[in-house]
Amino acid sequence: MRPSSFHPTSLHAANGTRKYLTIAERARFMETAAWTGPPVRPFCLVLALSGGRLSEVLELTPATIDAERVP
């Protein structure tokens, strides 16, 4: 079902599905990630906390992270 107010920056995809997790879903995702080990846990935490797209987080390498600019 497509929302009547569909817009490219909306919370829903063109097919009507949500693009983002709810607060509760995000909390469960992060709780589950906490029980995993490398490389899954850091990947999941960067994905959840950065707002990056899956493809963007998959492209990260130590060389692409500027540790001096990280708050």
Protein backbone atom coordinates (compact mmCIF):
# COMPACT_ATOMS: atom_id res chain seq x y z
CA MET A 1 0.00 0.00 0.00
CA ARG A 2 1.50 3.31 -1.07
CA PRO A 3 0.96 6.27 1.28
CA SER A 4 -0.99 9.04 -0.44
CA SER A 5 1.67 11.58 0.54
CA PHE A 6 4.62 9.57 -0.82
CA HIS A 7 7.76 11.65 -1.15
CA PRO A 8 11.36 10.47 -1.81
CA THR A 9 12.38 11.59 1.69
CA SER A 10 9.38 10.02 3.42
CA LEU A 11 9.55 7.34 6.11
CA HIS A 12 7.98 4.87 3.68
CA ALA A 13 9.27 3.25 0.50
CA ALA A 14 7.31 3.47 -2.74
CA ASN A 15 5.66 0.12 -1.93
CA GLY A 16 4.41 1.44 1.43
CA THR A 17 6.85 -0.39 3.70
CA ARG A 18 8.68 1.50 6.44
CA LYS A 19 12.29 2.41 5.68
CA TYR A 20 13.38 2.78 9.29
CA LEU A 21 13.17 0.91 12.60
CA THR A 22 10.95 2.04 15.44
CA ILE A 23 12.59 3.01 18.73
CA ALA A 24 11.70 -0.39 20.20
CA GLU A 25 13.04 -2.26 17.16
CA ARG A 26 16.28 -0.29 17.29
CA ALA A 27 16.69 -1.07 21.01
CA ARG A 28 16.16 -4.80 20.37
CA PHE A 29 18.64 -4.68 17.48
CA MET A 30 21.30 -3.08 19.68
CA GLU A 31 20.61 -5.48 22.58
CA THR A 32 21.04 -8.42 20.23
CA ALA A 33 24.20 -6.93 18.74
CA ALA A 34 25.67 -6.63 22.24
CA TRP A 35 25.62 -10.43 22.53
CA THR A 36 27.62 -10.96 19.34
CA GLY A 37 31.34 -10.66 18.83
CA PRO A 38 33.62 -9.20 16.21
CA PRO A 39 33.04 -8.45 13.41
CA VAL A 40 29.24 -8.49 13.87
CA ARG A 41 28.93 -6.30 16.99
CA PRO A 42 30.95 -3.30 15.74
CA PHE A 43 29.26 -3.53 12.35
CA CYS A 44 25.78 -3.51 13.93
CA LEU A 45 26.63 -0.66 16.29
CA VAL A 46 28.08 1.52 13.52
CA LEU A 47 25.03 0.76 11.40
CA ALA A 48 22.61 1.64 14.22
CA LEU A 49 24.42 4.70 15.57
CA SER A 50 25.73 6.35 12.41
CA GLY A 51 22.59 6.52 10.34
CA GLY A 52 24.65 5.19 7.45
CA ARG A 53 23.16 3.01 4.78
CA LEU A 54 24.02 -0.68 4.77
CA SER A 55 26.18 -0.26 1.66
CA GLU A 56 28.02 2.70 3.23
CA VAL A 57 28.82 0.83 6.44
CA LEU A 58 29.98 -2.20 4.44
CA GLU A 59 32.49 0.05 2.63
CA LEU A 60 34.15 1.26 5.86
CA THR A 61 37.75 0.27 6.50
CA PRO A 62 40.17 1.44 9.20
CA ALA A 63 41.73 3.73 6.59
CA THR A 64 38.39 5.48 5.94
CA ILE A 65 37.85 6.45 9.59
CA ASP A 66 39.37 9.72 10.76
CA ALA A 67 39.78 8.99 14.49
CA GLU A 68 40.91 12.55 15.18
CA ARG A 69 37.58 13.95 14.00
CA VAL A 70 35.48 11.48 16.01
CA PRO A 71 33.99 13.29 19.02
